[in-house]
């Protein structure tokens, strides 16, 4: 049985929350692989690309020994960009945007700059 768009969106949102909750339970931020998967999943959900979001959320759950060594090497060269807090704000924005007009998520831009190492 195929899911409706709303059911699919709800399932993806719940899966995304479960992923963040798992990181909370482990008292850690996402590693570089997980961060990439979650940020791509979030972007895909925002664009209505639900299959792509499913693929990224499945990749998030991939065990360490099943992750591509080549991809990990490439990721290690890229700067970190998102914390769990930023990803939660992004998900809130995506979910609430679907319910009507709303302003960008209320995250202090200084936190973003500090995280990225940029000066104010």
N, C-alpha and C. Protein backbone atom coordinates (compact mmCIF):
# COMPACT_ATOMS: atom_id res chain seq x y z
N UNK A 1 0.84 -1.19 0.00
CA UNK A 1 0.00 0.00 0.00
C UNK A 1 0.88 1.25 0.00
N UNK A 2 0.61 2.13 -0.92
CA UNK A 2 1.38 3.35 -1.05
C UNK A 2 0.86 4.42 -0.08
N UNK A 3 1.79 5.14 0.52
CA UNK A 3 1.40 6.20 1.46
C UNK A 3 0.99 7.45 0.70
N UNK A 4 0.04 8.19 1.27
CA UNK A 4 -0.31 9.49 0.69
C UNK A 4 0.84 10.46 0.98
N UNK A 5 0.84 11.59 0.29
CA UNK A 5 1.88 12.59 0.53
C UNK A 5 1.91 13.02 1.99
N UNK A 6 0.74 13.24 2.58
CA UNK A 6 0.70 13.67 3.98
C UNK A 6 1.23 12.58 4.91
N UNK A 7 0.86 11.34 4.64
CA UNK A 7 1.37 10.24 5.47
C UNK A 7 2.88 10.10 5.32
N UNK A 8 3.34 10.25 4.09
CA UNK A 8 4.78 10.16 3.83
C UNK A 8 5.53 11.28 4.54
N UNK A 9 4.99 12.51 4.46
CA UNK A 9 5.62 13.64 5.14
C UNK A 9 5.66 13.41 6.64
N UNK A 10 4.55 12.98 7.21
CA UNK A 10 4.49 12.72 8.65
C UNK A 10 5.51 11.67 9.07
N UNK A 11 5.61 10.61 8.28
CA UNK A 11 6.57 9.54 8.58
C UNK A 11 8.00 10.08 8.53
N UNK A 12 8.31 10.87 7.52
CA UNK A 12 9.65 11.45 7.40
C UNK A 12 9.95 12.38 8.56
N UNK A 13 8.99 13.20 8.94
CA UNK A 13 9.19 14.11 10.07
C UNK A 13 9.47 13.33 11.34
N UNK A 14 8.68 12.26 11.57
CA UNK A 14 8.88 11.43 12.77
C UNK A 14 10.25 10.75 12.74
N UNK A 15 10.65 10.25 11.59
CA UNK A 15 11.95 9.59 11.46
C UNK A 15 13.08 10.57 11.73
N UNK A 16 12.94 11.79 11.25
CA UNK A 16 13.95 12.83 11.47
C UNK A 16 14.06 13.13 12.97
N UNK A 17 12.93 13.24 13.64
CA UNK A 17 12.91 13.51 15.07
C UNK A 17 13.55 12.36 15.84
N UNK A 18 13.25 11.13 15.44
CA UNK A 18 13.85 9.96 16.09
C UNK A 18 15.37 10.00 15.95
N UNK A 19 15.86 10.39 14.78
CA UNK A 19 17.31 10.48 14.57
C UNK A 19 17.94 11.50 15.52
N UNK A 20 17.31 12.66 15.65
CA UNK A 20 17.83 13.68 16.57
C UNK A 20 17.72 13.23 18.01
N UNK A 21 16.63 12.57 18.35
CA UNK A 21 16.46 12.06 19.72
C UNK A 21 17.52 11.01 20.05
N UNK A 22 17.89 10.19 19.08
CA UNK A 22 18.94 9.20 19.28
C UNK A 22 20.26 9.90 19.65
N UNK A 23 20.58 10.96 18.92
CA UNK A 23 21.79 11.72 19.22
C UNK A 23 21.72 12.33 20.62
N UNK A 24 20.53 12.82 21.00
CA UNK A 24 20.34 13.35 22.35
C UNK A 24 20.61 12.28 23.40
N UNK A 25 20.07 11.09 23.17
CA UNK A 25 20.26 9.98 24.11
C UNK A 25 21.73 9.62 24.25
N UNK A 26 22.48 9.80 23.16
CA UNK A 26 23.91 9.48 23.17
C UNK A 26 24.75 10.67 23.63
N UNK A 27 24.08 11.79 23.95
CA UNK A 27 24.74 13.00 24.45
C UNK A 27 25.84 13.48 23.50
N UNK A 28 25.48 13.59 22.23
CA UNK A 28 26.47 14.02 21.25
C UNK A 28 25.80 14.73 20.07
N UNK A 29 26.63 15.47 19.35
CA UNK A 29 26.22 16.09 18.10
C UNK A 29 26.40 15.04 16.99
N UNK A 30 25.77 15.25 15.84
CA UNK A 30 25.96 14.29 14.74
C UNK A 30 27.42 14.29 14.28
N UNK A 31 27.91 13.11 13.90
CA UNK A 31 29.23 13.08 13.28
C UNK A 31 29.08 13.67 11.89
N UNK A 32 30.17 13.81 11.16
CA UNK A 32 30.13 14.49 9.86
C UNK A 32 29.22 13.76 8.87
N UNK A 33 29.23 12.43 8.88
CA UNK A 33 28.35 11.63 8.01
C UNK A 33 26.90 11.90 8.36
N UNK A 34 26.57 11.80 9.63
CA UNK A 34 25.19 11.98 10.08
C UNK A 34 24.69 13.39 9.79
N UNK A 35 25.56 14.37 10.01
CA UNK A 35 25.20 15.76 9.73
C UNK A 35 24.85 15.95 8.26
N UNK A 36 25.66 15.36 7.41
CA UNK A 36 25.41 15.47 5.96
C UNK A 36 24.07 14.83 5.60
N UNK A 37 23.83 13.63 6.11
CA UNK A 37 22.58 12.93 5.81
C UNK A 37 21.37 13.73 6.30
N UNK A 38 21.45 14.23 7.53
CA UNK A 38 20.31 14.96 8.09
C UNK A 38 20.08 16.28 7.37
N UNK A 39 21.14 16.97 7.02
CA UNK A 39 20.95 18.25 6.32
C UNK A 39 20.39 18.03 4.92
N UNK A 40 20.85 16.99 4.22
CA UNK A 40 20.29 16.68 2.90
C UNK A 40 18.84 16.23 3.01
N UNK A 41 18.53 15.43 4.03
CA UNK A 41 17.15 14.98 4.23
C UNK A 41 16.24 16.18 4.48
N UNK A 42 16.71 17.10 5.29
CA UNK A 42 15.92 18.29 5.60
C UNK A 42 15.67 19.12 4.34
N UNK A 43 16.71 19.33 3.56
CA UNK A 43 16.56 20.07 2.30
C UNK A 43 15.61 19.38 1.34
N UNK A 44 15.71 18.05 1.28
CA UNK A 44 14.82 17.29 0.39
C UNK A 44 13.37 17.42 0.85
N UNK A 45 13.14 17.31 2.16
CA UNK A 45 11.77 17.46 2.67
C UNK A 45 11.22 18.85 2.35
N UNK A 46 12.06 19.87 2.50
CA UNK A 46 11.63 21.24 2.23
C UNK A 46 11.24 21.43 0.77
N UNK A 47 11.85 20.66 -0.11
CA UNK A 47 11.57 20.76 -1.55
C UNK A 47 10.51 19.77 -2.02
N UNK A 48 9.99 18.96 -1.10
CA UNK A 48 8.99 17.97 -1.48
C UNK A 48 9.59 16.74 -2.15
N UNK A 49 10.88 16.52 -2.01
CA UNK A 49 11.56 15.37 -2.59
C UNK A 49 11.63 14.26 -1.54
N UNK A 50 10.48 13.64 -1.31
CA UNK A 50 10.34 12.72 -0.18
C UNK A 50 11.15 11.44 -0.35
N UNK A 51 11.29 10.94 -1.56
CA UNK A 51 12.09 9.74 -1.78
C UNK A 51 13.56 10.03 -1.45
N UNK A 52 14.05 11.18 -1.86
CA UNK A 52 15.43 11.57 -1.55
C UNK A 52 15.62 11.69 -0.04
N UNK A 53 14.63 12.25 0.65
CA UNK A 53 14.70 12.36 2.11
C UNK A 53 14.76 10.99 2.75
N UNK A 54 13.97 10.05 2.25
CA UNK A 54 13.99 8.67 2.77
C UNK A 54 15.36 8.05 2.61
N UNK A 55 15.98 8.25 1.45
CA UNK A 55 17.31 7.70 1.18
C UNK A 55 18.32 8.27 2.17
N UNK A 56 18.26 9.56 2.40
CA UNK A 56 19.21 10.20 3.31
C UNK A 56 19.00 9.75 4.75
N UNK A 57 17.76 9.60 5.16
CA UNK A 57 17.50 9.13 6.53
C UNK A 57 17.93 7.68 6.71
N UNK A 58 17.82 6.89 5.66
CA UNK A 58 18.32 5.51 5.73
C UNK A 58 19.85 5.52 5.82
N UNK A 59 20.49 6.41 5.09
CA UNK A 59 21.95 6.51 5.14
C UNK A 59 22.42 6.97 6.52
N UNK A 60 21.64 7.83 7.16
CA UNK A 60 21.97 8.27 8.53
C UNK A 60 22.13 7.07 9.45
N UNK A 61 21.27 6.09 9.30
CA UNK A 61 21.25 4.92 10.18
C UNK A 61 22.27 3.85 9.79
N UNK A 62 23.00 4.07 8.71
CA UNK A 62 23.97 3.06 8.25
C UNK A 62 25.07 2.88 9.31
N UNK A 63 25.36 1.63 9.67
CA UNK A 63 26.43 1.37 10.64
C UNK A 63 27.78 1.89 10.15
N UNK A 64 28.65 2.22 11.08
CA UNK A 64 29.96 2.77 10.74
C UNK A 64 30.72 1.90 9.75
N UNK A 65 30.71 0.60 9.93
CA UNK A 65 31.48 -0.28 9.06
C UNK A 65 30.88 -0.43 7.66
N UNK A 66 29.69 0.12 7.45
CA UNK A 66 29.07 0.06 6.13
C UNK A 66 29.13 1.40 5.39
N UNK A 67 29.75 2.39 6.00
CA UNK A 67 29.89 3.69 5.35
C UNK A 67 31.09 3.65 4.41
N UNK A 68 30.94 4.30 3.29
CA UNK A 68 32.00 4.33 2.28
C UNK A 68 33.22 5.09 2.81
N UNK A 69 34.38 4.43 2.77
CA UNK A 69 35.62 5.07 3.22
C UNK A 69 35.93 6.30 2.36
N UNK A 70 35.64 6.20 1.07
CA UNK A 70 35.91 7.33 0.18
C UNK A 70 35.03 8.53 0.53
N UNK A 71 33.76 8.27 0.78
CA UNK A 71 32.85 9.36 1.15
C UNK A 71 33.24 9.96 2.49
N UNK A 72 33.64 9.12 3.45
CA UNK A 72 34.07 9.63 4.75
C UNK A 72 35.29 10.52 4.62
N UNK A 73 36.23 10.14 3.75
CA UNK A 73 37.43 10.95 3.54
C UNK A 73 37.07 12.32 2.97
N UNK A 74 36.14 12.35 2.03
CA UNK A 74 35.70 13.62 1.45
C UNK A 74 35.00 14.47 2.50
N UNK A 75 34.14 13.85 3.30
CA UNK A 75 33.41 14.59 4.33
C UNK A 75 34.34 15.19 5.38
N UNK A 76 35.39 14.49 5.73
CA UNK A 76 36.32 14.99 6.75
C UNK A 76 37.01 16.27 6.31
N UNK A 77 37.08 16.50 5.01
CA UNK A 77 37.70 17.71 4.48
C UNK A 77 36.74 18.90 4.48
N UNK A 78 35.45 18.63 4.63
CA UNK A 78 34.45 19.69 4.62
C UNK A 78 34.23 20.21 6.04
N UNK A 79 33.97 21.50 6.18
CA UNK A 79 33.70 22.02 7.52
C UNK A 79 32.34 21.56 8.04
N UNK A 80 32.24 21.45 9.35
CA UNK A 80 30.95 21.14 9.96
C UNK A 80 30.07 22.38 9.81
N UNK A 81 28.76 22.15 9.65
CA UNK A 81 27.87 23.29 9.42
C UNK A 81 26.64 23.30 10.31
N UNK A 82 26.17 22.14 10.78
CA UNK A 82 24.90 22.11 11.49
C UNK A 82 25.00 21.37 12.82
N UNK A 83 24.37 21.96 13.82
CA UNK A 83 24.23 21.30 15.12
C UNK A 83 22.84 20.68 15.19
N UNK A 84 22.60 19.89 16.23
CA UNK A 84 21.25 19.33 16.43
C UNK A 84 20.24 20.46 16.57
N UNK A 85 20.60 21.51 17.28
CA UNK A 85 19.68 22.63 17.47
C UNK A 85 19.29 23.25 16.13
N UNK A 86 20.26 23.45 15.28
CA UNK A 86 19.99 24.03 13.96
C UNK A 86 19.08 23.11 13.14
N UNK A 87 19.35 21.82 13.20
CA UNK A 87 18.54 20.86 12.45
C UNK A 87 17.11 20.81 12.99
N UNK A 88 16.95 20.89 14.30
CA UNK A 88 15.60 20.92 14.89
C UNK A 88 14.85 22.19 14.45
N UNK A 89 15.53 23.32 14.45
CA UNK A 89 14.89 24.56 13.98
C UNK A 89 14.48 24.42 12.52
N UNK A 90 15.35 23.82 11.72
CA UNK A 90 15.02 23.61 10.31
C UNK A 90 13.80 22.72 10.13
N UNK A 91 13.73 21.65 10.90
CA UNK A 91 12.57 20.77 10.80
C UNK A 91 11.30 21.50 11.24
N UNK A 92 11.39 22.24 12.33
CA UNK A 92 10.22 23.02 12.78
C UNK A 92 9.75 23.95 11.67
N UNK A 93 10.70 24.58 11.00
CA UNK A 93 10.34 25.49 9.93
C UNK A 93 9.64 24.76 8.79
N UNK A 94 10.20 23.62 8.38
CA UNK A 94 9.61 22.85 7.28
C UNK A 94 8.20 22.39 7.65
N UNK A 95 8.04 21.86 8.85
CA UNK A 95 6.73 21.36 9.28
C UNK A 95 5.72 22.49 9.37
N UNK A 96 6.11 23.59 9.99
CA UNK A 96 5.18 24.71 10.19
C UNK A 96 4.92 25.49 8.91
N UNK A 97 5.88 25.51 8.00
CA UNK A 97 5.69 26.21 6.73
C UNK A 97 4.56 25.57 5.93
N UNK A 98 4.46 24.25 6.06
CA UNK A 98 3.41 23.53 5.34
C UNK A 98 2.02 23.90 5.86
N UNK A 99 1.97 24.46 7.05
CA UNK A 99 0.69 24.82 7.65
C UNK A 99 0.33 26.28 7.39
N UNK A 100 1.16 27.00 6.69
CA UNK A 100 0.85 28.40 6.36
C UNK A 100 2.10 29.24 6.36
N UNK A 101 1.94 30.52 6.07
CA UNK A 101 3.06 31.44 6.03
C UNK A 101 3.68 31.60 7.41
N UNK A 102 4.98 31.62 7.45
CA UNK A 102 5.67 31.89 8.71
C UNK A 102 7.04 32.45 8.41
N UNK A 103 7.59 33.22 9.33
CA UNK A 103 8.92 33.81 9.13
C UNK A 103 10.00 32.74 9.27
N UNK A 104 11.23 33.05 8.89
CA UNK A 104 12.33 32.10 9.06
C UNK A 104 12.44 31.67 10.52
N UNK A 105 13.04 30.50 10.77
CA UNK A 105 13.16 30.02 12.14
C UNK A 105 13.90 31.01 13.02
N UNK A 106 13.49 31.08 14.27
CA UNK A 106 14.06 32.04 15.21
C UNK A 106 15.32 31.46 15.86
N UNK A 107 16.39 31.44 15.12
CA UNK A 107 17.67 31.03 15.69
C UNK A 107 18.59 32.23 15.63
N UNK A 108 19.26 32.47 16.71
CA UNK A 108 20.15 33.62 16.80
C UNK A 108 21.30 33.44 15.80
N UNK A 109 21.41 34.34 14.85
CA UNK A 109 22.42 34.22 13.81
C UNK A 109 23.84 34.26 14.37
N UNK A 110 24.00 34.85 15.57
CA UNK A 110 25.33 34.83 16.19
C UNK A 110 25.75 33.41 16.52
N UNK A 111 24.78 32.55 16.90
CA UNK A 111 25.10 31.16 17.17
C UNK A 111 25.62 30.47 15.91
N UNK A 112 25.01 30.78 14.79
CA UNK A 112 25.44 30.20 13.52
C UNK A 112 26.86 30.67 13.21
N UNK A 113 27.10 31.96 13.33
CA UNK A 113 28.43 32.49 13.03
C UNK A 113 29.48 31.91 13.96
N UNK A 114 29.16 31.82 15.25
CA UNK A 114 30.10 31.24 16.21
C UNK A 114 30.41 29.79 15.86
N UNK A 115 29.38 29.04 15.52
CA UNK A 115 29.58 27.63 15.17
C UNK A 115 30.48 27.49 13.95
N UNK A 116 30.27 28.36 12.99
CA UNK A 116 31.04 28.29 11.74
C UNK A 116 32.41 28.95 11.89
N UNK A 117 32.65 29.62 13.02
CA UNK A 117 33.94 30.24 13.25
C UNK A 117 34.10 31.59 12.60
N UNK A 118 33.01 32.20 12.18
CA UNK A 118 33.05 33.51 11.55
C UNK A 118 32.96 34.60 12.62
N UNK A 119 33.48 35.74 12.32
CA UNK A 119 33.37 36.86 13.25
C UNK A 119 32.06 37.58 13.06
N UNK A 120 31.62 38.27 14.09
CA UNK A 120 30.37 39.04 14.00
C UNK A 120 30.56 40.21 13.14
